[in-house]
Amino acid sequence: STVIIASPIYSWIYKFIYQYDNTFYSYSENKDIKNGSGII
Protein backbone atom coordinates (compact mmCIF):
# COMPACT_ATOMS: atom_id res chain seq x y z
CA SER A 1 0.00 0.00 0.00
CA THR A 2 2.93 2.40 0.35
CA VAL A 3 2.84 5.21 -2.21
CA ILE A 4 6.25 6.09 -3.67
CA ILE A 5 6.69 9.35 -5.57
CA ALA A 6 10.05 9.91 -7.23
CA SER A 7 11.75 10.71 -10.49
CA PRO A 8 11.85 7.89 -13.09
CA ILE A 9 15.40 7.10 -11.94
CA TYR A 10 13.87 5.28 -8.97
CA SER A 11 10.17 4.78 -9.74
CA TRP A 12 10.54 1.95 -12.25
CA ILE A 13 12.51 -0.14 -9.75
CA TYR A 14 9.81 0.06 -7.08
CA LYS A 15 6.97 -0.46 -9.51
CA PHE A 16 8.36 -3.31 -11.60
CA ILE A 17 11.16 -4.89 -9.57
CA TYR A 18 9.67 -4.68 -6.07
CA GLN A 19 6.08 -4.50 -7.33
CA TYR A 20 4.84 -1.56 -5.31
CA ASP A 21 1.87 -0.91 -7.55
CA ASN A 22 1.09 2.48 -6.02
CA THR A 23 4.41 3.88 -7.22
CA PHE A 24 3.97 6.94 -9.43
CA TYR A 25 5.42 6.74 -12.94
CA SER A 26 7.08 10.05 -12.13
CA TYR A 27 6.53 13.14 -10.03
CA SER A 28 4.55 14.47 -13.00
CA GLU A 29 1.89 11.74 -12.89
CA ASN A 30 -1.52 13.17 -11.99
CA LYS A 31 -2.78 10.54 -9.58
CA ASP A 32 -4.74 10.82 -6.34
CA ILE A 33 -3.37 9.58 -3.02
CA LYS A 34 -5.79 7.87 -0.66
CA ASN A 35 -6.05 9.30 2.85
CA GLY A 36 -4.04 7.33 5.37
CA SER A 37 -1.66 5.88 2.79
CA GLY A 38 1.97 5.42 3.65
CA ILE A 39 4.01 7.83 1.50
CA ILE A 40 7.69 7.97 0.59
PDB file of all heavy atoms in Angstrom:
ATOM      1  N   SER A   1       0.794  -1.227   0.000  1.00  0.00           N
ATOM      2  CA  SER A   1       0.000   0.000   0.000  1.00  0.00           C
ATOM      3  C   SER A   1       0.828   1.279   0.000  1.00  0.00           C
ATOM      4  O   SER A   1       0.291   2.352  -0.226  1.00  0.00           O
ATOM      5  CB  SER A   1      -0.938   0.012   1.211  1.00  0.00           C
ATOM      6  OG  SER A   1      -0.189  -0.033   2.419  1.00  0.00           O
ATOM      7  N   THR A   2       2.119   1.192   0.288  1.00  0.00           N
ATOM      8  CA  THR A   2       2.931   2.400   0.352  1.00  0.00           C
ATOM      9  C   THR A   2       2.984   3.090  -1.016  1.00  0.00           C
ATOM     10  O   THR A   2       3.222   2.451  -2.038  1.00  0.00           O
ATOM     11  CB  THR A   2       4.364   2.066   0.815  1.00  0.00           C
ATOM     12  OG1 THR A   2       4.302   1.442   2.087  1.00  0.00           O
ATOM     13  CG2 THR A   2       5.215   3.323   0.895  1.00  0.00           C
ATOM     14  N   VAL A   3       2.759   4.393  -0.995  1.00  0.00           N
ATOM     15  CA  VAL A   3       2.844   5.206  -2.211  1.00  0.00           C
ATOM     16  C   VAL A   3       4.250   5.781  -2.314  1.00  0.00           C
ATOM     17  O   VAL A   3       4.741   6.394  -1.358  1.00  0.00           O
ATOM     18  CB  VAL A   3       1.805   6.346  -2.187  1.00  0.00           C
ATOM     19  CG1 VAL A   3       1.973   7.243  -3.411  1.00  0.00           C
ATOM     20  CG2 VAL A   3       0.396   5.782  -2.131  1.00  0.00           C
ATOM     21  N   ILE A   4       4.896   5.575  -3.450  1.00  0.00           N
ATOM     22  CA  ILE A   4       6.249   6.090  -3.668  1.00  0.00           C
ATOM     23  C   ILE A   4       6.201   7.085  -4.816  1.00  0.00           C
ATOM     24  O   ILE A   4       5.749   6.758  -5.911  1.00  0.00           O
ATOM     25  CB  ILE A   4       7.233   4.950  -3.985  1.00  0.00           C
ATOM     26  CG1 ILE A   4       7.272   3.954  -2.819  1.00  0.00           C
ATOM     27  CG2 ILE A   4       8.632   5.500  -4.264  1.00  0.00           C
ATOM     28  CD1 ILE A   4       8.071   2.700  -3.111  1.00  0.00           C
ATOM     29  N   ILE A   5       6.644   8.302  -4.545  1.00  0.00           N
ATOM     30  CA  ILE A   5       6.690   9.355  -5.569  1.00  0.00           C
ATOM     31  C   ILE A   5       8.141   9.760  -5.751  1.00  0.00           C
ATOM     32  O   ILE A   5       8.808  10.179  -4.793  1.00  0.00           O
ATOM     33  CB  ILE A   5       5.840  10.578  -5.166  1.00  0.00           C
ATOM     34  CG1 ILE A   5       4.427  10.157  -4.774  1.00  0.00           C
ATOM     35  CG2 ILE A   5       5.790  11.584  -6.316  1.00  0.00           C
ATOM     36  CD1 ILE A   5       3.566  11.304  -4.270  1.00  0.00           C
ATOM     37  N   ALA A   6       8.634   9.635  -6.958  1.00  0.00           N
ATOM     38  CA  ALA A   6      10.052   9.911  -7.227  1.00  0.00           C
ATOM     39  C   ALA A   6      10.225  10.199  -8.701  1.00  0.00           C
ATOM     40  O   ALA A   6       9.290  10.091  -9.497  1.00  0.00           O
ATOM     41  CB  ALA A   6      10.905   8.708  -6.820  1.00  0.00           C
ATOM     42  N   SER A   7      11.433  10.561  -9.073  1.00  0.00           N
ATOM     43  CA  SER A   7      11.751  10.715 -10.488  1.00  0.00           C
ATOM     44  C   SER A   7      11.843   9.323 -11.111  1.00  0.00           C
ATOM     45  O   SER A   7      11.970   8.314 -10.395  1.00  0.00           O
ATOM     46  CB  SER A   7      13.071  11.465 -10.668  1.00  0.00           C
ATOM     47  OG  SER A   7      14.172  10.609 -10.388  1.00  0.00           O
ATOM     48  N   PRO A   8      11.775   9.218 -12.434  1.00  0.00           N
ATOM     49  CA  PRO A   8      11.848   7.893 -13.085  1.00  0.00           C
ATOM     50  C   PRO A   8      13.129   7.123 -12.780  1.00  0.00           C
ATOM     51  O   PRO A   8      13.161   5.905 -12.985  1.00  0.00           O
ATOM     52  CB  PRO A   8      11.753   8.231 -14.576  1.00  0.00           C
ATOM     53  CG  PRO A   8      11.048   9.547 -14.634  1.00  0.00           C
ATOM     54  CD  PRO A   8      11.510  10.290 -13.414  1.00  0.00           C
ATOM     55  N   ILE A   9      14.170   7.802 -12.304  1.00  0.00           N
ATOM     56  CA  ILE A   9      15.404   7.102 -11.938  1.00  0.00           C
ATOM     57  C   ILE A   9      15.104   5.974 -10.963  1.00  0.00           C
ATOM     58  O   ILE A   9      15.669   4.880 -11.040  1.00  0.00           O
ATOM     59  CB  ILE A   9      16.422   8.084 -11.317  1.00  0.00           C
ATOM     60  CG1 ILE A   9      16.928   9.077 -12.366  1.00  0.00           C
ATOM     61  CG2 ILE A   9      17.601   7.331 -10.698  1.00  0.00           C
ATOM     62  CD1 ILE A   9      17.831  10.159 -11.793  1.00  0.00           C
ATOM     63  N   TYR A  10      14.171   6.225 -10.042  1.00  0.00           N
ATOM     64  CA  TYR A  10      13.865   5.284  -8.972  1.00  0.00           C
ATOM     65  C   TYR A  10      12.510   4.605  -9.135  1.00  0.00           C
ATOM     66  O   TYR A  10      12.333   3.468  -8.690  1.00  0.00           O
ATOM     67  CB  TYR A  10      13.903   6.016  -7.622  1.00  0.00           C
ATOM     68  CG  TYR A  10      15.110   6.905  -7.470  1.00  0.00           C
ATOM     69  CD1 TYR A  10      15.025   8.289  -7.668  1.00  0.00           C
ATOM     70  CD2 TYR A  10      16.360   6.370  -7.170  1.00  0.00           C
ATOM     71  CE1 TYR A  10      16.141   9.100  -7.556  1.00  0.00           C
ATOM     72  CE2 TYR A  10      17.480   7.171  -7.055  1.00  0.00           C
ATOM     73  CZ  TYR A  10      17.367   8.548  -7.251  1.00  0.00           C
ATOM     74  OH  TYR A  10      18.469   9.345  -7.164  1.00  0.00           O
ATOM     75  N   SER A  11      11.551   5.280  -9.749  1.00  0.00           N
ATOM     76  CA  SER A  11      10.173   4.785  -9.738  1.00  0.00           C
ATOM     77  C   SER A  11      10.022   3.427 -10.413  1.00  0.00           C
ATOM     78  O   SER A  11       9.280   2.567  -9.941  1.00  0.00           O
ATOM     79  CB  SER A  11       9.247   5.815 -10.392  1.00  0.00           C
ATOM     80  OG  SER A  11       9.583   6.015 -11.756  1.00  0.00           O
ATOM     81  N   TRP A  12      10.717   3.201 -11.527  1.00  0.00           N
ATOM     82  CA  TRP A  12      10.543   1.946 -12.255  1.00  0.00           C
ATOM     83  C   TRP A  12      11.006   0.751 -11.428  1.00  0.00           C
ATOM     84  O   TRP A  12      10.447  -0.350 -11.547  1.00  0.00           O
ATOM     85  CB  TRP A  12      11.272   1.980 -13.597  1.00  0.00           C
ATOM     86  CG  TRP A  12      12.768   1.919 -13.523  1.00  0.00           C
ATOM     87  CD1 TRP A  12      13.637   2.968 -13.413  1.00  0.00           C
ATOM     88  CD2 TRP A  12      13.591   0.739 -13.572  1.00  0.00           C
ATOM     89  NE1 TRP A  12      14.934   2.529 -13.381  1.00  0.00           N
ATOM     90  CE2 TRP A  12      14.932   1.155 -13.483  1.00  0.00           C
ATOM     91  CE3 TRP A  12      13.312  -0.618 -13.676  1.00  0.00           C
ATOM     92  CZ2 TRP A  12      16.003   0.274 -13.497  1.00  0.00           C
ATOM     93  CZ3 TRP A  12      14.381  -1.516 -13.690  1.00  0.00           C
ATOM     94  CH2 TRP A  12      15.708  -1.066 -13.603  1.00  0.00           C
ATOM     95  N   ILE A  13      12.007   0.958 -10.579  1.00  0.00           N
ATOM     96  CA  ILE A  13      12.513  -0.142  -9.754  1.00  0.00           C
ATOM     97  C   ILE A  13      11.452  -0.584  -8.743  1.00  0.00           C
ATOM     98  O   ILE A  13      11.194  -1.777  -8.565  1.00  0.00           O
ATOM     99  CB  ILE A  13      13.815   0.274  -9.039  1.00  0.00           C
ATOM    100  CG1 ILE A  13      14.917   0.521 -10.072  1.00  0.00           C
ATOM    101  CG2 ILE A  13      14.252  -0.788  -8.034  1.00  0.00           C
ATOM    102  CD1 ILE A  13      16.211   1.037  -9.495  1.00  0.00           C
ATOM    103  N   TYR A  14      10.801   0.404  -8.112  1.00  0.00           N
ATOM    104  CA  TYR A  14       9.813   0.058  -7.082  1.00  0.00           C
ATOM    105  C   TYR A  14       8.507  -0.446  -7.685  1.00  0.00           C
ATOM    106  O   TYR A  14       7.806  -1.246  -7.065  1.00  0.00           O
ATOM    107  CB  TYR A  14       9.594   1.262  -6.157  1.00  0.00           C
ATOM    108  CG  TYR A  14      10.814   1.502  -5.308  1.00  0.00           C
ATOM    109  CD1 TYR A  14      11.759   2.456  -5.678  1.00  0.00           C
ATOM    110  CD2 TYR A  14      11.066   0.721  -4.200  1.00  0.00           C
ATOM    111  CE1 TYR A  14      12.917   2.642  -4.933  1.00  0.00           C
ATOM    112  CE2 TYR A  14      12.225   0.890  -3.450  1.00  0.00           C
ATOM    113  CZ  TYR A  14      13.141   1.851  -3.819  1.00  0.00           C
ATOM    114  OH  TYR A  14      14.293   2.009  -3.089  1.00  0.00           O
ATOM    115  N   LYS A  15       8.207  -0.014  -8.876  1.00  0.00           N
ATOM    116  CA  LYS A  15       6.968  -0.461  -9.510  1.00  0.00           C
ATOM    117  C   LYS A  15       7.108  -1.843 -10.145  1.00  0.00           C
ATOM    118  O   LYS A  15       6.223  -2.702 -10.014  1.00  0.00           O
ATOM    119  CB  LYS A  15       6.511   0.545 -10.562  1.00  0.00           C
ATOM    120  CG  LYS A  15       5.082   0.276 -11.067  1.00  0.00           C
ATOM    121  CD  LYS A  15       4.587   1.401 -11.925  1.00  0.00           C
ATOM    122  CE  LYS A  15       3.125   1.198 -12.309  1.00  0.00           C
ATOM    123  NZ  LYS A  15       2.213   1.377 -11.164  1.00  0.00           N
ATOM    124  N   PHE A  16       8.232  -2.089 -10.817  1.00  0.00           N
ATOM    125  CA  PHE A  16       8.359  -3.310 -11.601  1.00  0.00           C
ATOM    126  C   PHE A  16       9.286  -4.359 -10.982  1.00  0.00           C
ATOM    127  O   PHE A  16       9.096  -5.545 -11.217  1.00  0.00           O
ATOM    128  CB  PHE A  16       8.839  -2.980 -13.014  1.00  0.00           C
ATOM    129  CG  PHE A  16       7.878  -2.132 -13.791  1.00  0.00           C
ATOM    130  CD1 PHE A  16       8.173  -0.819 -14.104  1.00  0.00           C
ATOM    131  CD2 PHE A  16       6.654  -2.642 -14.193  1.00  0.00           C
ATOM    132  CE1 PHE A  16       7.292  -0.020 -14.817  1.00  0.00           C
ATOM    133  CE2 PHE A  16       5.754  -1.861 -14.900  1.00  0.00           C
ATOM    134  CZ  PHE A  16       6.072  -0.550 -15.210  1.00  0.00           C
ATOM    135  N   ILE A  17      10.280  -3.928 -10.213  1.00  0.00           N
ATOM    136  CA  ILE A  17      11.165  -4.894  -9.568  1.00  0.00           C
ATOM    137  C   ILE A  17      10.567  -5.346  -8.240  1.00  0.00           C
ATOM    138  O   ILE A  17      10.404  -6.532  -7.984  1.00  0.00           O
ATOM    139  CB  ILE A  17      12.571  -4.306  -9.351  1.00  0.00           C
ATOM    140  CG1 ILE A  17      13.179  -3.829 -10.682  1.00  0.00           C
ATOM    141  CG2 ILE A  17      13.483  -5.348  -8.682  1.00  0.00           C
ATOM    142  CD1 ILE A  17      13.448  -4.917 -11.675  1.00  0.00           C
ATOM    143  N   TYR A  18      10.209  -4.359  -7.392  1.00  0.00           N
ATOM    144  CA  TYR A  18       9.673  -4.676  -6.067  1.00  0.00           C
ATOM    145  C   TYR A  18       8.143  -4.737  -6.047  1.00  0.00           C
ATOM    146  O   TYR A  18       7.561  -5.082  -5.030  1.00  0.00           O
ATOM    147  CB  TYR A  18      10.171  -3.663  -5.045  1.00  0.00           C
ATOM    148  CG  TYR A  18      11.673  -3.644  -4.910  1.00  0.00           C
ATOM    149  CD1 TYR A  18      12.388  -2.460  -4.978  1.00  0.00           C
ATOM    150  CD2 TYR A  18      12.387  -4.828  -4.724  1.00  0.00           C
ATOM    151  CE1 TYR A  18      13.771  -2.437  -4.858  1.00  0.00           C
ATOM    152  CE2 TYR A  18      13.764  -4.822  -4.601  1.00  0.00           C
ATOM    153  CZ  TYR A  18      14.447  -3.626  -4.669  1.00  0.00           C
ATOM    154  OH  TYR A  18      15.812  -3.623  -4.553  1.00  0.00           O
ATOM    155  N   GLN A  19       7.528  -4.349  -7.137  1.00  0.00           N
ATOM    156  CA  GLN A  19       6.079  -4.503  -7.328  1.00  0.00           C
ATOM    157  C   GLN A  19       5.252  -3.716  -6.311  1.00  0.00           C
ATOM    158  O   GLN A  19       4.251  -4.204  -5.789  1.00  0.00           O
ATOM    159  CB  GLN A  19       5.711  -5.987  -7.304  1.00  0.00           C
ATOM    160  CG  GLN A  19       6.382  -6.770  -8.421  1.00  0.00           C
ATOM    161  CD  GLN A  19       6.129  -8.254  -8.344  1.00  0.00           C
ATOM    162  OE1 GLN A  19       5.452  -8.730  -7.446  1.00  0.00           O
ATOM    163  NE2 GLN A  19       6.700  -8.995  -9.283  1.00  0.00           N
ATOM    164  N   TYR A  20       5.679  -2.498  -6.060  1.00  0.00           N
ATOM    165  CA  TYR A  20       4.843  -1.559  -5.307  1.00  0.00           C
ATOM    166  C   TYR A  20       3.955  -0.852  -6.324  1.00  0.00           C
ATOM    167  O   TYR A  20       4.347   0.131  -6.948  1.00  0.00           O
ATOM    168  CB  TYR A  20       5.724  -0.568  -4.531  1.00  0.00           C
ATOM    169  CG  TYR A  20       6.223  -1.134  -3.224  1.00  0.00           C
ATOM    170  CD1 TYR A  20       7.307  -1.987  -3.198  1.00  0.00           C
ATOM    171  CD2 TYR A  20       5.583  -0.840  -2.024  1.00  0.00           C
ATOM    172  CE1 TYR A  20       7.760  -2.538  -2.006  1.00  0.00           C
ATOM    173  CE2 TYR A  20       6.028  -1.377  -0.827  1.00  0.00           C
ATOM    174  CZ  TYR A  20       7.114  -2.225  -0.829  1.00  0.00           C
ATOM    175  OH  TYR A  20       7.555  -2.774   0.363  1.00  0.00           O
ATOM    176  N   ASP A  21       2.749  -1.357  -6.475  1.00  0.00           N
ATOM    177  CA  ASP A  21       1.867  -0.911  -7.553  1.00  0.00           C
ATOM    178  C   ASP A  21       1.443   0.542  -7.425  1.00  0.00           C
ATOM    179  O   ASP A  21       1.035   1.159  -8.409  1.00  0.00           O
ATOM    180  CB  ASP A  21       0.624  -1.799  -7.621  1.00  0.00           C
ATOM    181  CG  ASP A  21       0.963  -3.232  -8.029  1.00  0.00           C
ATOM    182  OD1 ASP A  21       1.990  -3.404  -8.711  1.00  0.00           O
ATOM    183  OD2 ASP A  21       0.216  -4.152  -7.656  1.00  0.00           O
ATOM    184  N   ASN A  22       1.505   1.090  -6.217  1.00  0.00           N
ATOM    185  CA  ASN A  22       1.091   2.483  -6.022  1.00  0.00           C
ATOM    186  C   ASN A  22       2.199   3.480  -6.330  1.00  0.00           C
ATOM    187  O   ASN A  22       2.051   4.673  -6.084  1.00  0.00           O
ATOM    188  CB  ASN A  22       0.597   2.693  -4.587  1.00  0.00           C
ATOM    189  CG  ASN A  22      -0.737   2.015  -4.338  1.00  0.00           C
ATOM    190  OD1 ASN A  22      -1.516   1.812  -5.268  1.00  0.00           O
ATOM    191  ND2 ASN A  22      -1.003   1.631  -3.099  1.00  0.00           N
ATOM    192  N   THR A  23       3.319   2.989  -6.826  1.00  0.00           N
ATOM    193  CA  THR A  23       4.408   3.881  -7.217  1.00  0.00           C
ATOM    194  C   THR A  23       3.989   4.739  -8.401  1.00  0.00           C
ATOM    195  O   THR A  23       3.440   4.225  -9.384  1.00  0.00           O
ATOM    196  CB  THR A  23       5.664   3.078  -7.593  1.00  0.00           C
ATOM    197  OG1 THR A  23       6.057   2.283  -6.468  1.00  0.00           O
ATOM    198  CG2 THR A  23       6.806   4.001  -7.985  1.00  0.00           C
ATOM    199  N   PHE A  24       4.248   6.038  -8.318  1.00  0.00           N
ATOM    200  CA  PHE A  24       3.966   6.938  -9.432  1.00  0.00           C
ATOM    201  C   PHE A  24       4.977   6.689 -10.549  1.00  0.00           C
ATOM    202  O   PHE A  24       6.136   6.406 -10.286  1.00  0.00           O
ATOM    203  CB  PHE A  24       4.059   8.402  -8.994  1.00  0.00           C
ATOM    204  CG  PHE A  24       2.850   8.901  -8.245  1.00  0.00           C
ATOM    205  CD1 PHE A  24       2.160   8.097  -7.368  1.00  0.00           C
ATOM    206  CD2 PHE A  24       2.418  10.206  -8.415  1.00  0.00           C
ATOM    207  CE1 PHE A  24       1.057   8.550  -6.670  1.00  0.00           C
ATOM    208  CE2 PHE A  24       1.319  10.689  -7.726  1.00  0.00           C
ATOM    209  CZ  PHE A  24       0.635   9.849  -6.847  1.00  0.00           C
ATOM    210  N   TYR A  25       4.503   6.811 -11.795  1.00  0.00           N
ATOM    211  CA  TYR A  25       5.424   6.738 -12.938  1.00  0.00           C
ATOM    212  C   TYR A  25       6.540   7.777 -12.775  1.00  0.00           C
ATOM    213  O   TYR A  25       7.712   7.513 -13.028  1.00  0.00           O
ATOM    214  CB  TYR A  25       4.633   6.993 -14.229  1.00  0.00           C
ATOM    215  CG  TYR A  25       5.470   7.416 -15.413  1.00  0.00           C
ATOM    216  CD1 TYR A  25       6.195   6.484 -16.138  1.00  0.00           C
ATOM    217  CD2 TYR A  25       5.530   8.749 -15.804  1.00  0.00           C
ATOM    218  CE1 TYR A  25       6.970   6.866 -17.220  1.00  0.00           C
ATOM    219  CE2 TYR A  25       6.296   9.144 -16.887  1.00  0.00           C
ATOM    220  CZ  TYR A  25       7.008   8.191 -17.590  1.00  0.00           C
ATOM    221  OH  TYR A  25       7.781   8.585 -18.656  1.00  0.00           O
ATOM    222  N   SER A  26       6.151   8.945 -12.336  1.00  0.00           N
ATOM    223  CA  SER A  26       7.082  10.048 -12.132  1.00  0.00           C
ATOM    224  C   SER A  26       6.387  11.063 -11.245  1.00  0.00           C
ATOM    225  O   SER A  26       5.200  10.944 -10.937  1.00  0.00           O
ATOM    226  CB  SER A  26       7.470  10.677 -13.478  1.00  0.00           C
ATOM    227  OG  SER A  26       8.279  11.816 -13.287  1.00  0.00           O
ATOM    228  N   TYR A  27       7.131  12.057 -10.809  1.00  0.00           N
ATOM    229  CA  TYR A  27       6.528  13.139 -10.028  1.00  0.00           C
ATOM    230  C   TYR A  27       5.486  13.899 -10.837  1.00  0.00           C
ATOM    231  O   TYR A  27       4.666  14.616 -10.285  1.00  0.00           O
ATOM    232  CB  TYR A  27       7.594  14.113  -9.541  1.00  0.00           C
ATOM    233  CG  TYR A  27       8.688  14.375 -10.553  1.00  0.00           C
ATOM    234  CD1 TYR A  27       8.469  15.130 -11.706  1.00  0.00           C
ATOM    235  CD2 TYR A  27       9.958  13.828 -10.381  1.00  0.00           C
ATOM    236  CE1 TYR A  27       9.453  15.341 -12.642  1.00  0.00           C
ATOM    237  CE2 TYR A  27      10.961  14.033 -11.315  1.00  0.00           C
ATOM    238  CZ  TYR A  27      10.711  14.792 -12.440  1.00  0.00           C
ATOM    239  OH  TYR A  27      11.695  14.994 -13.364  1.00  0.00           O
ATOM    240  N   SER A  28       5.497  13.738 -12.154  1.00  0.00           N
ATOM    241  CA  SER A  28       4.548  14.470 -12.998  1.00  0.00           C
ATOM    242  C   SER A  28       3.231  13.730 -13.201  1.00  0.00           C
ATOM    243  O   SER A  28       2.315  14.271 -13.813  1.00  0.00           O
ATOM    244  CB  SER A  28       5.183  14.752 -14.362  1.00  0.00           C
ATOM    245  OG  SER A  28       5.514  13.538 -15.013  1.00  0.00           O
ATOM    246  N   GLU A  29       3.123  12.495 -12.683  1.00  0.00           N
ATOM    247  CA  GLU A  29       1.887  11.741 -12.894  1.00  0.00           C
ATOM    248  C   GLU A  29       0.759  12.319 -12.045  1.00  0.00           C
ATOM    249  O   GLU A  29       0.905  12.519 -10.823  1.00  0.00           O
ATOM    250  CB  GLU A  29       2.090  10.263 -12.553  1.00  0.00           C
ATOM    251  CG  GLU A  29       0.851   9.431 -12.853  1.00  0.00           C
ATOM    252  CD  GLU A  29       1.071   7.944 -12.631  1.00  0.00           C
ATOM    253  OE1 GLU A  29       2.188   7.558 -12.234  1.00  0.00           O
ATOM    254  OE2 GLU A  29       0.118   7.176 -12.860  1.00  0.00           O
ATOM    255  N   ASN A  30      -0.363  12.558 -12.665  1.00  0.00           N
ATOM    256  CA  ASN A  30      -1.516  13.167 -11.992  1.00  0.00           C
ATOM    257  C   ASN A  30      -2.392  12.060 -11.415  1.00  0.00           C
ATOM    258  O   ASN A  30      -3.318  11.586 -12.055  1.00  0.00           O
ATOM    259  CB  ASN A  30      -2.299  14.031 -12.979  1.00  0.00           C
ATOM    260  CG  ASN A  30      -3.351  14.873 -12.292  1.00  0.00           C
ATOM    261  OD1 ASN A  30      -3.381  14.967 -11.071  1.00  0.00           O
ATOM    262  ND2 ASN A  30      -4.212  15.494 -13.073  1.00  0.00           N
ATOM    263  N   LYS A  31      -2.068  11.645 -10.193  1.00  0.00           N
ATOM    264  CA  LYS A  31      -2.784  10.543  -9.576  1.00  0.00           C
ATOM    265  C   LYS A  31      -3.104  10.893  -8.130  1.00  0.00           C
ATOM    266  O   LYS A  31      -2.287  11.492  -7.427  1.00  0.00           O
ATOM    267  CB  LYS A  31      -1.930   9.267  -9.644  1.00  0.00           C
ATOM    268  CG  LYS A  31      -2.656   8.009  -9.227  1.00  0.00           C
ATOM    269  CD  LYS A  31      -1.921   6.758  -9.687  1.00  0.00           C
ATOM    270  CE  LYS A  31      -0.588   6.569  -9.008  1.00  0.00           C
ATOM    271  NZ  LYS A  31       0.037   5.279  -9.347  1.00  0.00           N
ATOM    272  N   ASP A  32      -4.306  10.523  -7.698  1.00  0.00           N
ATOM    273  CA  ASP A  32      -4.739  10.824  -6.339  1.00  0.00           C
ATOM    274  C   ASP A  32      -4.085   9.879  -5.340  1.00  0.00           C
ATOM    275  O   ASP A  32      -3.771   8.725  -5.658  1.00  0.00           O
ATOM    276  CB  ASP A  32      -6.262  10.705  -6.223  1.00  0.00           C
ATOM    277  CG  ASP A  32      -6.981  11.787  -7.035  1.00  0.00           C
ATOM    278  OD1 ASP A  32      -6.420  12.895  -7.157  1.00  0.00           O
ATOM    279  OD2 ASP A  32      -8.084  11.511  -7.553  1.00  0.00           O
ATOM    280  N   ILE A  33      -3.906  10.383  -4.113  1.00  0.00           N
ATOM    281  CA  ILE A  33      -3.367   9.583  -3.021  1.00  0.00           C
ATOM    282  C   ILE A  33      -4.465   9.396  -1.986  1.00  0.00           C
ATOM    283  O   ILE A  33      -5.066  10.368  -1.521  1.00  0.00           O
ATOM    284  CB  ILE A  33      -2.149  10.270  -2.376  1.00  0.00           C
ATOM    285  CG1 ILE A  33      -1.051  10.496  -3.422  1.00  0.00           C
ATOM    286  CG2 ILE A  33      -1.609   9.431  -1.227  1.00  0.00           C
ATOM    287  CD1 ILE A  33       0.115  11.310  -2.901  1.00  0.00           C
ATOM    288  N   LYS A  34      -4.749   8.144  -1.631  1.00  0.00           N
ATOM    289  CA  LYS A  34      -5.793   7.874  -0.659  1.00  0.00           C
ATOM    290  C   LYS A  34      -5.367   8.346   0.725  1.00  0.00           C
ATOM    291  O   LYS A  34      -4.198   8.239   1.102  1.00  0.00           O
ATOM    292  CB  LYS A  34      -6.096   6.375  -0.622  1.00  0.00           C
ATOM    293  CG  LYS A  34      -6.702   5.833  -1.910  1.00  0.00           C
ATOM    294  CD  LYS A  34      -6.971   4.342  -1.789  1.00  0.00           C
ATOM    295  CE  LYS A  34      -7.572   3.799  -3.087  1.00  0.00           C
ATOM    296  NZ  LYS A  34      -7.822   2.338  -3.004  1.00  0.00           N
ATOM    297  N   ASN A  35      -6.320   8.873   1.479  1.00  0.00           N
ATOM    298  CA  ASN A  35      -6.050   9.302   2.846  1.00  0.00           C
ATOM    299  C   ASN A  35      -5.579   8.121   3.684  1.00  0.00           C
ATOM    300  O   ASN A  35      -6.118   7.020   3.602  1.00  0.00           O
ATOM    301  CB  ASN A  35      -7.315   9.899   3.478  1.00  0.00           C
ATOM    302  CG  ASN A  35      -7.707  11.213   2.827  1.00  0.00           C
ATOM    303  OD1 ASN A  35      -6.860  11.933   2.305  1.00  0.00           O
ATOM    304  ND2 ASN A  35      -9.002  11.534   2.854  1.00  0.00           N
ATOM    305  N   GLY A  36      -4.564   8.371   4.498  1.00  0.00           N
ATOM    306  CA  GLY A  36      -4.044   7.326   5.369  1.00  0.00           C
ATOM    307  C   GLY A  36      -2.994   6.453   4.731  1.00  0.00           C
ATOM    308  O   GLY A  36      -2.482   5.535   5.373  1.00  0.00           O
ATOM    309  N   SER A  37      -2.668   6.691   3.466  1.00  0.00           N
ATOM    310  CA  SER A  37      -1.658   5.876   2.793  1.00  0.00           C
ATOM    311  C   SER A  37      -0.271   6.197   3.311  1.00  0.00           C
ATOM    312  O   SER A  37       0.038   7.355   3.657  1.00  0.00           O
ATOM    313  CB  SER A  37      -1.701   6.116   1.279  1.00  0.00           C
ATOM    314  OG  SER A  37      -2.938   5.740   0.737  1.00  0.00           O
ATOM    315  N   GLY A  38       0.567   5.174   3.382  1.00  0.00           N
ATOM    316  CA  GLY A  38       1.970   5.424   3.647  1.00  0.00           C
ATOM    317  C   GLY A  38       2.603   6.059   2.425  1.00  0.00           C
ATOM    318  O   GLY A  38       2.340   5.635   1.299  1.00  0.00           O
ATOM    319  N   ILE A  39       3.413   7.088   2.621  1.00  0.00           N
ATOM    320  CA  ILE A  39       4.006   7.828   1.505  1.00  0.00           C
ATOM    321  C   ILE A  39       5.513   7.933   1.696  1.00  0.00           C
ATOM    322  O   ILE A  39       5.991   8.218   2.795  1.00  0.00           O
ATOM    323  CB  ILE A  39       3.406   9.246   1.385  1.00  0.00           C
ATOM    324  CG1 ILE A  39       1.885   9.179   1.194  1.00  0.00           C
ATOM    325  CG2 ILE A  39       4.046  10.008   0.224  1.00  0.00           C
ATOM    326  CD1 ILE A  39       1.221  10.545   1.198  1.00  0.00           C
ATOM    327  N   ILE A  40       6.245   7.702   0.624  1.00  0.00           N
ATOM    328  CA  ILE A  40       7.686   7.972   0.594  1.00  0.00           C
ATOM    329  C   ILE A  40       7.962   8.862  -0.604  1.00  0.00           C
ATOM    330  O   ILE A  40       7.585   8.529  -1.729  1.00  0.00           O
ATOM    331  CB  ILE A  40       8.510   6.672   0.480  1.00  0.00           C
ATOM    332  CG1 ILE A  40       8.303   5.789   1.716  1.00  0.00           C
ATOM    333  CG2 ILE A  40       9.990   6.999   0.314  1.00  0.00           C
ATOM    334  CD1 ILE A  40       9.032   4.463   1.634  1.00  0.00           C
TER     335      ILE A  40
END
